[in-house]
Amino acid sequence: MKNIKLINEIDYLSDTYCDGCFVRKQLRKESGKTIAYRFCIEKCTVGESIKQIGSRLKGSK
């Protein structure tokens, strides 16, 4: 049940902040998907939050 809560938390963050993100969209347009992905994971505060939740999810298995 804890895993479902963590997955829902990730989905919420992604749906709320990432889907309409101008920075992500612009980076994909100018530099490609890889650069945009790296920005999201390494520099974006929302991406960092998703990464931390993912670590908790991985640790709970």
C-alpha atoms as a PDB file:
ATOM      1  CA  MET A   1       0.000   0.000   0.000  1.00  0.00           C
ATOM      2  CA  LYS A   2       2.934   2.336   0.687  1.00  0.00           C
ATOM      3  CA  ASN A   3       4.207   1.830  -2.881  1.00  0.00           C
ATOM      4  CA  ILE A   4       0.862   2.907  -4.315  1.00  0.00           C
ATOM      5  CA  LYS A   5       0.991   6.096  -2.249  1.00  0.00           C
ATOM      6  CA  LEU A   6       4.507   6.876  -3.499  1.00  0.00           C
ATOM      7  CA  ILE A   7       3.545   6.212  -7.124  1.00  0.00           C
ATOM      8  CA  ASN A   8       0.504   8.458  -6.756  1.00  0.00           C
ATOM      9  CA  GLU A   9       2.748  11.168  -5.322  1.00  0.00           C
ATOM     10  CA  ILE A  10       5.067  10.920  -8.344  1.00  0.00           C
ATOM     11  CA  ASP A  11       2.095  11.004 -10.727  1.00  0.00           C
ATOM     12  CA  TYR A  12       0.705  14.084  -8.998  1.00  0.00           C
ATOM     13  CA  LEU A  13       4.003  15.976  -9.248  1.00  0.00           C
ATOM     14  CA  SER A  14       4.459  15.007 -12.867  1.00  0.00           C
ATOM     15  CA  ASP A  15       0.903  15.887 -13.882  1.00  0.00           C
ATOM     16  CA  THR A  16       0.896  19.156 -11.956  1.00  0.00           C
ATOM     17  CA  TYR A  17       4.315  20.569 -12.760  1.00  0.00           C
ATOM     18  CA  CYS A  18       6.035  18.657 -15.578  1.00  0.00           C
ATOM     19  CA  ASP A  19       3.376  18.309 -18.253  1.00  0.00           C
ATOM     20  CA  GLY A  20       3.141  22.035 -18.946  1.00  0.00           C
ATOM     21  CA  CYS A  21       6.721  22.958 -18.126  1.00  0.00           C
ATOM     22  CA  PHE A  22       7.984  25.662 -20.482  1.00  0.00           C
ATOM     23  CA  VAL A  23      11.656  25.036 -19.660  1.00  0.00           C
ATOM     24  CA  ARG A  24      11.382  21.340 -20.479  1.00  0.00           C
ATOM     25  CA  LYS A  25       9.518  22.063 -23.696  1.00  0.00           C
ATOM     26  CA  GLN A  26      12.039  24.678 -24.797  1.00  0.00           C
ATOM     27  CA  LEU A  27      15.055  22.494 -23.976  1.00  0.00           C
ATOM     28  CA  ARG A  28      13.564  19.612 -25.960  1.00  0.00           C
ATOM     29  CA  LYS A  29      13.022  21.940 -28.904  1.00  0.00           C
ATOM     30  CA  GLU A  30      16.498  23.499 -28.818  1.00  0.00           C
ATOM     31  CA  SER A  31      18.727  20.710 -27.502  1.00  0.00           C
ATOM     32  CA  GLY A  32      16.841  17.432 -27.671  1.00  0.00           C
ATOM     33  CA  LYS A  33      15.209  15.000 -25.306  1.00  0.00           C
ATOM     34  CA  THR A  34      18.393  13.898 -23.565  1.00  0.00           C
ATOM     35  CA  ILE A  35      19.388  17.402 -22.492  1.00  0.00           C
ATOM     36  CA  ALA A  36      15.854  18.153 -21.295  1.00  0.00           C
ATOM     37  CA  TYR A  37      15.741  14.887 -19.339  1.00  0.00           C
ATOM     38  CA  ARG A  38      19.083  15.586 -17.675  1.00  0.00           C
ATOM     39  CA  PHE A  39      17.924  19.073 -16.709  1.00  0.00           C
ATOM     40  CA  CYS A  40      14.751  17.687 -15.162  1.00  0.00           C
ATOM     41  CA  ILE A  41      16.593  15.055 -13.131  1.00  0.00           C
ATOM     42  CA  GLU A  42      19.645  17.062 -12.076  1.00  0.00           C
ATOM     43  CA  LYS A  43      18.612  20.717 -11.822  1.00  0.00           C
ATOM     44  CA  CYS A  44      14.836  21.028 -11.527  1.00  0.00           C
ATOM     45  CA  THR A  45      13.460  21.044  -7.975  1.00  0.00           C
ATOM     46  CA  VAL A  46      10.423  19.019  -9.016  1.00  0.00           C
ATOM     47  CA  GLY A  47      12.670  16.462 -10.714  1.00  0.00           C
ATOM     48  CA  GLU A  48      14.763  16.196  -7.579  1.00  0.00           C
ATOM     49  CA  SER A  49      11.611  15.566  -5.534  1.00  0.00           C
ATOM     50  CA  ILE A  50      10.514  12.843  -7.938  1.00  0.00           C
ATOM     51  CA  LYS A  51      13.980  11.321  -7.734  1.00  0.00           C
ATOM     52  CA  GLN A  52      13.840  11.255  -3.903  1.00  0.00           C
ATOM     53  CA  ILE A  53      10.398   9.623  -3.946  1.00  0.00           C
ATOM     54  CA  GLY A  54      11.707   7.080  -6.449  1.00  0.00           C
ATOM     55  CA  SER A  55      14.576   6.260  -4.087  1.00  0.00           C
ATOM     56  CA  ARG A  56      12.089   5.616  -1.280  1.00  0.00           C
ATOM     57  CA  LEU A  57      10.071   3.456  -3.654  1.00  0.00           C
ATOM     58  CA  LYS A  58      13.143   1.456  -4.625  1.00  0.00           C
ATOM     59  CA  GLY A  59      14.137   1.040  -0.977  1.00  0.00           C
ATOM     60  CA  SER A  60      10.738  -0.269   0.071  1.00  0.00           C
ATOM     61  CA  LYS A  61      10.925  -3.385  -2.119  1.00  0.00           C
END
